[in-house]
Amino acid sequence: MIFVMDIGNTNIKAAVFDGRTLLRRWRCATDPSMTSDQYGIIMADLFRYHGLDMRDIEGIMISSVVPTINFTIEHMCGDYFGMEPRFLVPGMKTGLNIRYENPRELGSDRIANAVAVSTLYGGPSIFIDFGTATTYGVISEKNEFLGGAIGPGLRMMNKALATGTAKLPSIELVVPPRVIGRTTVTNIQSGVLYGYIGSVEKLVGAMKKEIGALDTKVIATGGMAHIVRNNSDVIDEINPDLTLTGLRIIYEKNQA
């Protein structure tokens, strides 16, 4: 069995795979103030709760966009799993031709997503990760990672509006029934949510035209994906385990 972790700005997503089978997945908060022992106890409790044994883990693969927590997680893996984890870094085998001008600038989570989409769906395809930031990536029909786009996530937009103004409140991220709101809350909900969904549709449409494939499949992952999927036909499929699966595939490609 292998253990994979996707360390994001808000949450750490983790999973245990037995071969290609995902046995369990869970998430906890990303908190750089926590110690390796605190994270170790959390993982030990989660393994125990799900009837898994940490001693059965044969390898660990991690993607991280929070460098300040990597040292803590590395020590946690050594103390509680008894092994050194592999961090997804440039130079690892991915099976992809990455057409980024400087591949070292590319987030490891986006690499994992690109590998998963290329392997599971092929190209041409577009993947969107609805996380703290909203990241887009494009896979060509030749299985090349062409690049993409990065924008703010829904929660970030909501927080920026509330903290950057004197009187506007933070709102629940619920799509209102009407675009023309009649209260301050529904005005903000309409502007944030319908505006966000419109930006996703615009970017995806422009990407499809740019690569000359209007039938390109669009795969989404991340916590906000369902809001867009339920209010637009721009997304073809939601895969909540896209990043974790990509990490598992990359681990297997580098096992030798």
C-alpha atoms as a PDB file:
ATOM      1  CA  MET A   1       0.000   0.000   0.000  1.00  0.00           C
ATOM      2  CA  ILE A   2       1.109   3.571  -0.615  1.00  0.00           C
ATOM      3  CA  PHE A   3       0.162   6.788   1.144  1.00  0.00           C
ATOM      4  CA  VAL A   4      -0.252  10.038  -0.806  1.00  0.00           C
ATOM      5  CA  MET A   5      -0.718  13.591   0.444  1.00  0.00           C
ATOM      6  CA  ASP A   6      -1.722  16.739  -1.431  1.00  0.00           C
ATOM      7  CA  ILE A   7      -0.774  19.733   0.730  1.00  0.00           C
ATOM      8  CA  GLY A   8      -2.818  22.735  -0.331  1.00  0.00           C
ATOM      9  CA  ASN A   9      -3.087  26.248   1.062  1.00  0.00           C
ATOM     10  CA  THR A  10      -6.262  25.432   3.003  1.00  0.00           C
ATOM     11  CA  ASN A  11      -6.422  21.648   3.385  1.00  0.00           C
ATOM     12  CA  ILE A  12      -4.231  18.564   3.282  1.00  0.00           C
ATOM     13  CA  LYS A  13      -5.878  15.778   1.307  1.00  0.00           C
ATOM     14  CA  ALA A  14      -4.545  12.280   1.916  1.00  0.00           C
ATOM     15  CA  ALA A  15      -5.331   8.773   0.709  1.00  0.00           C
ATOM     16  CA  VAL A  16      -4.211   5.170   0.960  1.00  0.00           C
ATOM     17  CA  PHE A  17      -3.989   3.112  -2.236  1.00  0.00           C
ATOM     18  CA  ASP A  18      -3.672  -0.634  -2.495  1.00  0.00           C
ATOM     19  CA  GLY A  19      -2.409  -0.978  -6.054  1.00  0.00           C
ATOM     20  CA  ARG A  20      -4.830   1.100  -8.125  1.00  0.00           C
ATOM     21  CA  THR A  21      -7.617   0.800  -5.563  1.00  0.00           C
ATOM     22  CA  LEU A  22      -8.243   3.803  -3.349  1.00  0.00           C
ATOM     23  CA  LEU A  23      -8.990   2.367   0.091  1.00  0.00           C
ATOM     24  CA  ARG A  24      -9.572   5.516   2.136  1.00  0.00           C
ATOM     25  CA  ARG A  25      -9.310   9.265   1.738  1.00  0.00           C
ATOM     26  CA  TRP A  26      -9.517  12.104   4.238  1.00  0.00           C
ATOM     27  CA  ARG A  27      -8.536  15.717   4.764  1.00  0.00           C
ATOM     28  CA  CYS A  28      -7.329  17.946   7.572  1.00  0.00           C
ATOM     29  CA  ALA A  29      -6.436  21.619   7.864  1.00  0.00           C
ATOM     30  CA  THR A  30      -3.126  22.963   6.589  1.00  0.00           C
ATOM     31  CA  ASP A  31      -1.607  24.609   9.658  1.00  0.00           C
ATOM     32  CA  PRO A  32       2.116  25.503   9.598  1.00  0.00           C
ATOM     33  CA  SER A  33       1.989  26.097  13.372  1.00  0.00           C
ATOM     34  CA  MET A  34       1.296  22.410  14.060  1.00  0.00           C
ATOM     35  CA  THR A  35       4.169  20.088  14.966  1.00  0.00           C
ATOM     36  CA  SER A  36       5.154  16.822  13.324  1.00  0.00           C
ATOM     37  CA  ASP A  37       3.812  14.957  16.367  1.00  0.00           C
ATOM     38  CA  GLN A  38       0.431  16.657  16.093  1.00  0.00           C
ATOM     39  CA  TYR A  39       0.117  15.663  12.448  1.00  0.00           C
ATOM     40  CA  GLY A  40       1.422  12.199  13.282  1.00  0.00           C
ATOM     41  CA  ILE A  41      -1.249  11.668  15.918  1.00  0.00           C
ATOM     42  CA  ILE A  42      -3.929  12.832  13.492  1.00  0.00           C
ATOM     43  CA  MET A  43      -2.748  10.350  10.859  1.00  0.00           C
ATOM     44  CA  ALA A  44      -2.383   7.529  13.393  1.00  0.00           C
ATOM     45  CA  ASP A  45      -5.942   8.137  14.620  1.00  0.00           C
ATOM     46  CA  LEU A  46      -7.316   8.208  11.075  1.00  0.00           C
ATOM     47  CA  PHE A  47      -5.533   4.979  10.139  1.00  0.00           C
ATOM     48  CA  ARG A  48      -6.804   3.306  13.316  1.00  0.00           C
ATOM     49  CA  TYR A  49     -10.367   4.557  12.810  1.00  0.00           C
ATOM     50  CA  HIS A  50     -10.477   3.136   9.266  1.00  0.00           C
ATOM     51  CA  GLY A  51      -8.935  -0.188  10.289  1.00  0.00           C
ATOM     52  CA  LEU A  52      -5.619   0.413   8.513  1.00  0.00           C
ATOM     53  CA  ASP A  53      -2.088  -0.221   9.766  1.00  0.00           C
ATOM     54  CA  MET A  54       0.581   2.422   9.170  1.00  0.00           C
ATOM     55  CA  ARG A  55       3.175  -0.369   9.110  1.00  0.00           C
ATOM     56  CA  ASP A  56       1.648  -1.658   5.852  1.00  0.00           C
ATOM     57  CA  ILE A  57       2.604   1.514   3.965  1.00  0.00           C
ATOM     58  CA  GLU A  58       5.433   0.821   1.521  1.00  0.00           C
ATOM     59  CA  GLY A  59       5.909   4.303   0.085  1.00  0.00           C
ATOM     60  CA  ILE A  60       4.769   7.920   0.451  1.00  0.00           C
ATOM     61  CA  MET A  61       4.330  10.494  -2.337  1.00  0.00           C
ATOM     62  CA  ILE A  62       3.567  14.141  -1.562  1.00  0.00           C
ATOM     63  CA  SER A  63       2.701  17.234  -3.563  1.00  0.00           C
ATOM     64  CA  SER A  64       2.905  20.537  -1.736  1.00  0.00           C
ATOM     65  CA  VAL A  65       2.284  24.187  -2.538  1.00  0.00           C
ATOM     66  CA  VAL A  66       3.111  25.216   1.054  1.00  0.00           C
ATOM     67  CA  PRO A  67       6.908  24.957   1.422  1.00  0.00           C
ATOM     68  CA  THR A  68       6.845  26.110   5.060  1.00  0.00           C
ATOM     69  CA  ILE A  69       5.114  22.902   6.141  1.00  0.00           C
ATOM     70  CA  ASN A  70       7.228  20.423   4.159  1.00  0.00           C
ATOM     71  CA  PHE A  71       9.889  19.974   6.851  1.00  0.00           C
ATOM     72  CA  THR A  72       7.184  19.198   9.445  1.00  0.00           C
ATOM     73  CA  ILE A  73       5.460  16.644   7.225  1.00  0.00           C
ATOM     74  CA  GLU A  74       8.770  15.032   6.305  1.00  0.00           C
ATOM     75  CA  HIS A  75       9.588  14.536   9.980  1.00  0.00           C
ATOM     76  CA  MET A  76       6.097  13.198  10.637  1.00  0.00           C
ATOM     77  CA  CYS A  77       6.580  10.567   7.933  1.00  0.00           C
ATOM     78  CA  GLY A  78       9.923   9.511   9.382  1.00  0.00           C
ATOM     79  CA  ASP A  79       8.653   9.290  12.972  1.00  0.00           C
ATOM     80  CA  TYR A  80       5.245   7.702  12.365  1.00  0.00           C
ATOM     81  CA  PHE A  81       5.650   5.745   9.099  1.00  0.00           C
ATOM     82  CA  GLY A  82       9.336   4.972   9.503  1.00  0.00           C
ATOM     83  CA  MET A  83      10.266   6.167   6.030  1.00  0.00           C
ATOM     84  CA  GLU A  84      11.291   9.205   4.043  1.00  0.00           C
ATOM     85  CA  PRO A  85       8.570  10.555   1.748  1.00  0.00           C
ATOM     86  CA  ARG A  86       9.044  11.506  -1.883  1.00  0.00           C
ATOM     87  CA  PHE A  87       8.043  15.049  -2.779  1.00  0.00           C
ATOM     88  CA  LEU A  88       6.869  15.641  -6.335  1.00  0.00           C
ATOM     89  CA  VAL A  89       9.569  17.842  -7.873  1.00  0.00           C
ATOM     90  CA  PRO A  90      10.700  18.759 -11.396  1.00  0.00           C
ATOM     91  CA  GLY A  91      12.670  15.965 -13.011  1.00  0.00           C
ATOM     92  CA  MET A  92      10.472  13.109 -11.853  1.00  0.00           C
ATOM     93  CA  LYS A  93       9.061  10.805 -14.508  1.00  0.00           C
ATOM     94  CA  THR A  94       5.518  11.825 -15.397  1.00  0.00           C
ATOM     95  CA  GLY A  95       4.974  10.464 -18.902  1.00  0.00           C
ATOM     96  CA  LEU A  96       4.016  13.988 -19.996  1.00  0.00           C
ATOM     97  CA  ASN A  97       5.735  16.449 -22.275  1.00  0.00           C
ATOM     98  CA  ILE A  98       5.394  19.631 -20.220  1.00  0.00           C
ATOM     99  CA  ARG A  99       5.357  22.641 -22.560  1.00  0.00           C
ATOM    100  CA  TYR A 100       5.770  25.187 -19.762  1.00  0.00           C
ATOM    101  CA  GLU A 101       8.512  27.758 -20.440  1.00  0.00           C
ATOM    102  CA  ASN A 102       9.950  27.103 -16.973  1.00  0.00           C
ATOM    103  CA  PRO A 103       8.645  23.771 -15.606  1.00  0.00           C
ATOM    104  CA  ARG A 104      10.084  24.606 -12.153  1.00  0.00           C
ATOM    105  CA  GLU A 105       7.397  27.285 -11.798  1.00  0.00           C
ATOM    106  CA  LEU A 106       4.632  24.711 -12.213  1.00  0.00           C
ATOM    107  CA  GLY A 107       2.838  23.716  -8.997  1.00  0.00           C
ATOM    108  CA  SER A 108       3.222  20.055  -8.077  1.00  0.00           C
ATOM    109  CA  ASP A 109      -0.551  19.698  -7.624  1.00  0.00           C
ATOM    110  CA  ARG A 110      -1.074  20.834 -11.215  1.00  0.00           C
ATOM    111  CA  ILE A 111       1.480  18.283 -12.415  1.00  0.00           C
ATOM    112  CA  ALA A 112      -0.376  15.542 -10.516  1.00  0.00           C
ATOM    113  CA  ASN A 113      -3.695  16.664 -12.010  1.00  0.00           C
ATOM    114  CA  ALA A 114      -2.211  16.745 -15.508  1.00  0.00           C
ATOM    115  CA  VAL A 115      -0.818  13.216 -15.158  1.00  0.00           C
ATOM    116  CA  ALA A 116      -4.134  11.879 -13.862  1.00  0.00           C
ATOM    117  CA  VAL A 117      -6.151  13.511 -16.654  1.00  0.00           C
ATOM    118  CA  SER A 118      -3.702  12.353 -19.323  1.00  0.00           C
ATOM    119  CA  THR A 119      -3.786   8.777 -18.000  1.00  0.00           C
ATOM    120  CA  LEU A 120      -7.496   8.472 -17.239  1.00  0.00           C
ATOM    121  CA  TYR A 121      -9.079  10.590 -19.981  1.00  0.00           C
ATOM    122  CA  GLY A 122      -6.454  11.362 -22.609  1.00  0.00           C
ATOM    123  CA  GLY A 123      -6.441  14.503 -24.696  1.00  0.00           C
ATOM    124  CA  PRO A 124      -7.533  16.934 -25.727  1.00  0.00           C
ATOM    125  CA  SER A 125      -8.873  17.770 -22.302  1.00  0.00           C
ATOM    126  CA  ILE A 126      -9.093  20.639 -19.825  1.00  0.00           C
ATOM    127  CA  PHE A 127      -8.892  20.193 -16.075  1.00  0.00           C
ATOM    128  CA  ILE A 128      -9.983  22.685 -13.432  1.00  0.00           C
ATOM    129  CA  ASP A 129      -9.053  22.502  -9.752  1.00  0.00           C
ATOM    130  CA  PHE A 130     -11.487  24.524  -7.634  1.00  0.00           C
ATOM    131  CA  GLY A 131      -9.342  25.122  -4.560  1.00  0.00           C
ATOM    132  CA  THR A 132      -8.085  28.182  -2.698  1.00  0.00           C
ATOM    133  CA  ALA A 133      -7.028  29.310  -6.170  1.00  0.00           C
ATOM    134  CA  THR A 134      -8.790  28.140  -9.319  1.00  0.00           C
ATOM    135  CA  THR A 135      -6.262  26.503 -11.631  1.00  0.00           C
ATOM    136  CA  TYR A 136      -6.814  25.402 -15.219  1.00  0.00           C
ATOM    137  CA  GLY A 137      -4.684  23.092 -17.315  1.00  0.00           C
ATOM    138  CA  VAL A 138      -4.842  21.877 -20.906  1.00  0.00           C
ATOM    139  CA  ILE A 139      -3.747  18.471 -22.234  1.00  0.00           C
ATOM    140  CA  SER A 140      -3.293  18.191 -26.009  1.00  0.00           C
ATOM    141  CA  GLU A 141      -4.281  15.155 -28.038  1.00  0.00           C
ATOM    142  CA  LYS A 142      -0.547  14.320 -28.116  1.00  0.00           C
ATOM    143  CA  ASN A 143      -0.572  14.099 -24.282  1.00  0.00           C
ATOM    144  CA  GLU A 144       1.316  17.362 -23.858  1.00  0.00           C
ATOM    145  CA  PHE A 145       0.674  19.722 -20.961  1.00  0.00           C
ATOM    146  CA  LEU A 146       0.236  23.004 -22.821  1.00  0.00           C
ATOM    147  CA  GLY A 147      -0.244  25.344 -19.849  1.00  0.00           C
ATOM    148  CA  GLY A 148      -3.380  26.956 -18.491  1.00  0.00           C
ATOM    149  CA  ALA A 149      -4.587  29.750 -16.231  1.00  0.00           C
ATOM    150  CA  ILE A 150      -4.763  30.649 -12.537  1.00  0.00           C
ATOM    151  CA  GLY A 151      -7.398  32.777 -10.833  1.00  0.00           C
ATOM    152  CA  PRO A 152      -8.836  33.364  -7.364  1.00  0.00           C
ATOM    153  CA  GLY A 153     -11.070  30.753  -5.792  1.00  0.00           C
ATOM    154  CA  LEU A 154     -14.644  31.410  -4.684  1.00  0.00           C
ATOM    155  CA  ARG A 155     -13.815  31.632  -0.981  1.00  0.00           C
ATOM    156  CA  MET A 156     -10.933  33.985  -1.719  1.00  0.00           C
ATOM    157  CA  MET A 157     -13.222  36.261  -3.741  1.00  0.00           C
ATOM    158  CA  ASN A 158     -15.813  36.284  -0.962  1.00  0.00           C
ATOM    159  CA  LYS A 159     -13.186  37.032   1.695  1.00  0.00           C
ATOM    160  CA  ALA A 160     -11.569  39.790  -0.373  1.00  0.00           C
ATOM    161  CA  LEU A 161     -14.913  41.539  -0.841  1.00  0.00           C
ATOM    162  CA  ALA A 162     -15.758  41.367   2.873  1.00  0.00           C
ATOM    163  CA  THR A 163     -12.329  42.440   4.167  1.00  0.00           C
ATOM    164  CA  GLY A 164     -11.681  45.036   1.485  1.00  0.00           C
ATOM    165  CA  THR A 165     -14.874  47.018   2.049  1.00  0.00           C
ATOM    166  CA  ALA A 166     -16.291  48.805   5.073  1.00  0.00           C
ATOM    167  CA  LYS A 167     -19.892  47.598   5.022  1.00  0.00           C
ATOM    168  CA  LEU A 168     -20.216  44.500   2.840  1.00  0.00           C
ATOM    169  CA  PRO A 169     -20.589  41.238   4.812  1.00  0.00           C
ATOM    170  CA  SER A 170     -19.126  37.817   4.159  1.00  0.00           C
ATOM    171  CA  ILE A 171     -21.879  35.681   2.637  1.00  0.00           C
ATOM    172  CA  GLU A 172     -22.786  32.008   2.384  1.00  0.00           C
ATOM    173  CA  LEU A 173     -21.666  30.625  -0.962  1.00  0.00           C
ATOM    174  CA  VAL A 174     -25.135  29.718  -2.247  1.00  0.00           C
ATOM    175  CA  VAL A 175     -26.303  30.538  -5.761  1.00  0.00           C
ATOM    176  CA  PRO A 176     -29.372  32.822  -5.489  1.00  0.00           C
ATOM    177  CA  PRO A 177     -32.485  32.013  -7.555  1.00  0.00           C
ATOM    178  CA  ARG A 178     -32.313  35.362  -9.378  1.00  0.00           C
ATOM    179  CA  VAL A 179     -29.420  37.280 -10.884  1.00  0.00           C
ATOM    180  CA  ILE A 180     -31.049  40.579  -9.907  1.00  0.00           C
ATOM    181  CA  GLY A 181     -30.809  40.523  -6.124  1.00  0.00           C
ATOM    182  CA  ARG A 182     -33.057  42.572  -3.841  1.00  0.00           C
ATOM    183  CA  THR A 183     -30.963  42.435  -0.675  1.00  0.00           C
ATOM    184  CA  THR A 184     -27.307  43.144  -0.015  1.00  0.00           C
ATOM    185  CA  VAL A 185     -26.651  39.455   0.624  1.00  0.00           C
ATOM    186  CA  THR A 186     -28.302  38.273  -2.603  1.00  0.00           C
ATOM    187  CA  ASN A 187     -26.581  41.091  -4.518  1.00  0.00           C
ATOM    188  CA  ILE A 188     -23.202  39.800  -3.321  1.00  0.00           C
ATOM    189  CA  GLN A 189     -24.169  36.174  -3.929  1.00  0.00           C
ATOM    190  CA  SER A 190     -25.218  37.026  -7.463  1.00  0.00           C
ATOM    191  CA  GLY A 191     -22.112  39.055  -8.218  1.00  0.00           C
ATOM    192  CA  VAL A 192     -19.670  36.570  -6.723  1.00  0.00           C
ATOM    193  CA  LEU A 193     -21.228  33.266  -7.786  1.00  0.00           C
ATOM    194  CA  TYR A 194     -22.752  34.083 -11.173  1.00  0.00           C
ATOM    195  CA  GLY A 195     -19.693  36.187 -11.979  1.00  0.00           C
ATOM    196  CA  TYR A 196     -17.401  33.309 -11.024  1.00  0.00           C
ATOM    197  CA  ILE A 197     -19.351  30.746 -13.048  1.00  0.00           C
ATOM    198  CA  GLY A 198     -19.323  33.123 -16.019  1.00  0.00           C
ATOM    199  CA  SER A 199     -15.545  33.483 -15.786  1.00  0.00           C
ATOM    200  CA  VAL A 200     -15.132  29.691 -15.797  1.00  0.00           C
ATOM    201  CA  GLU A 201     -17.333  29.402 -18.886  1.00  0.00           C
ATOM    202  CA  LYS A 202     -15.427  32.196 -20.634  1.00  0.00           C
ATOM    203  CA  LEU A 203     -11.980  30.715 -19.916  1.00  0.00           C
ATOM    204  CA  VAL A 204     -12.958  27.192 -20.928  1.00  0.00           C
ATOM    205  CA  GLY A 205     -14.578  28.432 -24.140  1.00  0.00           C
ATOM    206  CA  ALA A 206     -11.506  30.487 -25.026  1.00  0.00           C
ATOM    207  CA  MET A 207      -9.182  27.544 -24.334  1.00  0.00           C
ATOM    208  CA  LYS A 208     -11.214  25.227 -26.556  1.00  0.00           C
ATOM    209  CA  LYS A 209     -11.045  27.736 -29.415  1.00  0.00           C
ATOM    210  CA  GLU A 210      -7.324  28.288 -28.901  1.00  0.00           C
ATOM    211  CA  ILE A 211      -6.491  24.584 -29.248  1.00  0.00           C
ATOM    212  CA  GLY A 212      -9.045  24.150 -32.027  1.00  0.00           C
ATOM    213  CA  ALA A 213     -11.087  21.425 -30.345  1.00  0.00           C
ATOM    214  CA  LEU A 214     -14.555  22.483 -29.269  1.00  0.00           C
ATOM    215  CA  ASP A 215     -15.394  18.931 -28.137  1.00  0.00           C
ATOM    216  CA  THR A 216     -12.567  18.942 -25.545  1.00  0.00           C
ATOM    217  CA  LYS A 217     -13.562  17.120 -22.362  1.00  0.00           C
ATOM    218  CA  VAL A 218     -13.568  19.209 -19.169  1.00  0.00           C
ATOM    219  CA  ILE A 219     -12.678  17.466 -15.893  1.00  0.00           C
ATOM    220  CA  ALA A 220     -13.084  19.222 -12.539  1.00  0.00           C
ATOM    221  CA  THR A 221     -11.895  18.557  -9.012  1.00  0.00           C
ATOM    222  CA  GLY A 222     -11.938  20.495  -5.742  1.00  0.00           C
ATOM    223  CA  GLY A 223     -14.552  21.544  -3.219  1.00  0.00           C
ATOM    224  CA  MET A 224     -16.309  24.216  -5.312  1.00  0.00           C
ATOM    225  CA  ALA A 225     -16.670  22.089  -8.443  1.00  0.00           C
ATOM    226  CA  HIS A 226     -20.254  21.068  -7.651  1.00  0.00           C
ATOM    227  CA  ILE A 227     -21.436  24.684  -7.470  1.00  0.00           C
ATOM    228  CA  VAL A 228     -20.266  25.268 -11.029  1.00  0.00           C
ATOM    229  CA  ARG A 229     -21.456  21.877 -12.287  1.00  0.00           C
ATOM    230  CA  ASN A 230     -24.956  22.412 -10.851  1.00  0.00           C
ATOM    231  CA  ASN A 231     -25.331  25.816 -12.495  1.00  0.00           C
ATOM    232  CA  SER A 232     -23.559  25.375 -15.836  1.00  0.00           C
ATOM    233  CA  ASP A 233     -22.953  22.745 -18.501  1.00  0.00           C
ATOM    234  CA  VAL A 234     -19.275  23.670 -18.868  1.00  0.00           C
ATOM    235  CA  ILE A 235     -18.026  20.696 -16.794  1.00  0.00           C
ATOM    236  CA  ASP A 236     -18.294  17.182 -18.223  1.00  0.00           C
ATOM    237  CA  GLU A 237     -17.132  15.212 -15.175  1.00  0.00           C
ATOM    238  CA  ILE A 238     -16.118  15.753 -11.555  1.00  0.00           C
ATOM    239  CA  ASN A 239     -13.312  13.590 -10.181  1.00  0.00           C
ATOM    240  CA  PRO A 240     -12.749  14.383  -6.475  1.00  0.00           C
ATOM    241  CA  ASP A 241      -9.649  12.155  -6.345  1.00  0.00           C
ATOM    242  CA  LEU A 242      -7.869  13.577  -9.379  1.00  0.00           C
ATOM    243  CA  THR A 243      -4.788  14.947  -7.586  1.00  0.00           C
ATOM    244  CA  LEU A 244      -4.433  11.934  -5.292  1.00  0.00           C
ATOM    245  CA  THR A 245      -4.706   9.562  -8.241  1.00  0.00           C
ATOM    246  CA  GLY A 246      -2.070  11.550 -10.115  1.00  0.00           C
ATOM    247  CA  LEU A 247       0.287  11.196  -7.170  1.00  0.00           C
ATOM    248  CA  ARG A 248      -0.277   7.442  -7.135  1.00  0.00           C
ATOM    249  CA  ILE A 249       0.486   7.208 -10.868  1.00  0.00           C
ATOM    250  CA  ILE A 250       3.649   9.300 -10.529  1.00  0.00           C
ATOM    251  CA  TYR A 251       4.820   7.166  -7.608  1.00  0.00           C
ATOM    252  CA  GLU A 252       4.437   4.043  -9.747  1.00  0.00           C
ATOM    253  CA  LYS A 253       6.317   5.632 -12.684  1.00  0.00           C
ATOM    254  CA  ASN A 254       9.243   6.450 -10.379  1.00  0.00           C
ATOM    255  CA  GLN A 255       9.268   3.224  -8.402  1.00  0.00           C
ATOM    256  CA  ALA A 256      12.244   1.796 -10.230  1.00  0.00           C
END
